[in-house]
Amino acid sequence: FGGEKKSFREVGEDLGVTAEAARRLVSRAVESLQEDAPDYLTV
């Protein structure tokens, strides 16, 4: 996954889930990163 541009269908195939499930998983992951990243970027 390192920097590759994939469709939700392709991600879903890689994970063994539907494209819609992959979209939800990616959405949650991005949301989590947005919430947690400031904690790690603060010096």
N, C-alpha and C. Protein backbone atom coordinates (compact mmCIF):
# COMPACT_ATOMS: atom_id res chain seq x y z
N PHE A 1 0.81 -1.20 0.00
CA PHE A 1 0.00 0.00 0.00
C PHE A 1 0.85 1.26 0.00
N GLY A 2 2.13 1.15 0.16
CA GLY A 2 3.01 2.29 0.32
C GLY A 2 2.93 3.31 -0.78
N GLY A 3 2.01 4.26 -0.70
CA GLY A 3 1.92 5.34 -1.65
C GLY A 3 1.25 5.00 -2.96
N GLU A 4 0.73 3.79 -3.09
CA GLU A 4 0.05 3.39 -4.32
C GLU A 4 -1.32 4.05 -4.39
N LYS A 5 -1.72 4.41 -5.60
CA LYS A 5 -3.07 4.93 -5.82
C LYS A 5 -3.95 3.76 -6.23
N LYS A 6 -4.88 3.38 -5.37
CA LYS A 6 -5.76 2.26 -5.65
C LYS A 6 -7.21 2.69 -5.49
N SER A 7 -8.08 2.05 -6.25
CA SER A 7 -9.50 2.30 -6.09
C SER A 7 -10.00 1.55 -4.85
N PHE A 8 -11.18 1.93 -4.38
CA PHE A 8 -11.75 1.21 -3.24
C PHE A 8 -12.02 -0.25 -3.61
N ARG A 9 -12.32 -0.50 -4.86
CA ARG A 9 -12.52 -1.87 -5.31
C ARG A 9 -11.24 -2.67 -5.16
N GLU A 10 -10.11 -2.08 -5.58
CA GLU A 10 -8.82 -2.76 -5.46
C GLU A 10 -8.43 -2.97 -4.01
N VAL A 11 -8.64 -1.96 -3.17
CA VAL A 11 -8.33 -2.10 -1.75
C VAL A 11 -9.20 -3.20 -1.15
N GLY A 12 -10.48 -3.19 -1.52
CA GLY A 12 -11.39 -4.22 -1.04
C GLY A 12 -10.94 -5.61 -1.44
N GLU A 13 -10.49 -5.77 -2.67
CA GLU A 13 -9.99 -7.07 -3.12
C GLU A 13 -8.77 -7.49 -2.29
N ASP A 14 -7.88 -6.55 -2.02
CA ASP A 14 -6.68 -6.85 -1.22
C ASP A 14 -7.05 -7.28 0.20
N LEU A 15 -8.10 -6.66 0.75
CA LEU A 15 -8.50 -6.93 2.13
C LEU A 15 -9.57 -8.02 2.24
N GLY A 16 -10.12 -8.43 1.11
CA GLY A 16 -11.17 -9.45 1.14
C GLY A 16 -12.52 -8.91 1.58
N VAL A 17 -12.78 -7.63 1.27
CA VAL A 17 -14.05 -7.01 1.61
C VAL A 17 -14.61 -6.31 0.37
N THR A 18 -15.85 -5.82 0.48
CA THR A 18 -16.45 -5.11 -0.64
C THR A 18 -15.82 -3.73 -0.80
N ALA A 19 -16.06 -3.11 -1.95
CA ALA A 19 -15.56 -1.76 -2.19
C ALA A 19 -16.14 -0.78 -1.17
N GLU A 20 -17.42 -0.96 -0.83
CA GLU A 20 -18.06 -0.07 0.15
C GLU A 20 -17.43 -0.24 1.53
N ALA A 21 -17.16 -1.47 1.93
CA ALA A 21 -16.51 -1.71 3.23
C ALA A 21 -15.10 -1.11 3.22
N ALA A 22 -14.39 -1.23 2.11
CA ALA A 22 -13.05 -0.64 2.00
C ALA A 22 -13.13 0.87 2.12
N ARG A 23 -14.14 1.47 1.50
CA ARG A 23 -14.31 2.92 1.58
C ARG A 23 -14.51 3.35 3.03
N ARG A 24 -15.35 2.61 3.76
CA ARG A 24 -15.59 2.95 5.17
C ARG A 24 -14.32 2.78 6.01
N LEU A 25 -13.58 1.70 5.76
CA LEU A 25 -12.35 1.46 6.51
C LEU A 25 -11.33 2.57 6.27
N VAL A 26 -11.18 2.96 5.01
CA VAL A 26 -10.22 4.02 4.66
C VAL A 26 -10.67 5.34 5.28
N SER A 27 -11.96 5.61 5.22
CA SER A 27 -12.49 6.84 5.80
C SER A 27 -12.20 6.91 7.29
N ARG A 28 -12.44 5.80 8.00
CA ARG A 28 -12.17 5.77 9.44
C ARG A 28 -10.68 5.92 9.73
N ALA A 29 -9.84 5.30 8.90
CA ALA A 29 -8.40 5.38 9.10
C ALA A 29 -7.91 6.82 8.92
N VAL A 30 -8.40 7.49 7.89
CA VAL A 30 -8.01 8.88 7.64
C VAL A 30 -8.47 9.77 8.79
N GLU A 31 -9.71 9.55 9.25
CA GLU A 31 -10.23 10.33 10.37
C GLU A 31 -9.37 10.13 11.62
N SER A 32 -8.98 8.90 11.87
CA SER A 32 -8.15 8.59 13.03
C SER A 32 -6.79 9.27 12.92
N LEU A 33 -6.20 9.23 11.74
CA LEU A 33 -4.91 9.89 11.54
C LEU A 33 -5.02 11.40 11.74
N GLN A 34 -6.10 11.99 11.24
CA GLN A 34 -6.28 13.43 11.39
C GLN A 34 -6.41 13.81 12.86
N GLU A 35 -7.05 12.95 13.65
CA GLU A 35 -7.22 13.23 15.07
C GLU A 35 -5.91 13.02 15.84
N ASP A 36 -5.16 11.97 15.49
CA ASP A 36 -3.97 11.60 16.25
C ASP A 36 -2.69 12.27 15.78
N ALA A 37 -2.60 12.66 14.53
CA ALA A 37 -1.36 13.21 13.98
C ALA A 37 -0.86 14.43 14.75
N PRO A 38 -1.72 15.37 15.14
CA PRO A 38 -1.20 16.54 15.88
C PRO A 38 -0.46 16.15 17.16
N ASP A 39 -0.89 15.07 17.81
CA ASP A 39 -0.20 14.62 19.02
C ASP A 39 1.24 14.22 18.73
N TYR A 40 1.47 13.65 17.56
CA TYR A 40 2.80 13.17 17.20
C TYR A 40 3.65 14.26 16.56
N LEU A 41 3.01 15.27 16.02
CA LEU A 41 3.74 16.32 15.33
C LEU A 41 4.10 17.49 16.24
N THR A 42 3.54 17.53 17.42
CA THR A 42 3.84 18.60 18.37
C THR A 42 5.24 18.39 18.96
N VAL A 43 6.03 19.44 18.94
CA VAL A 43 7.40 19.35 19.46
C VAL A 43 7.46 19.96 20.84
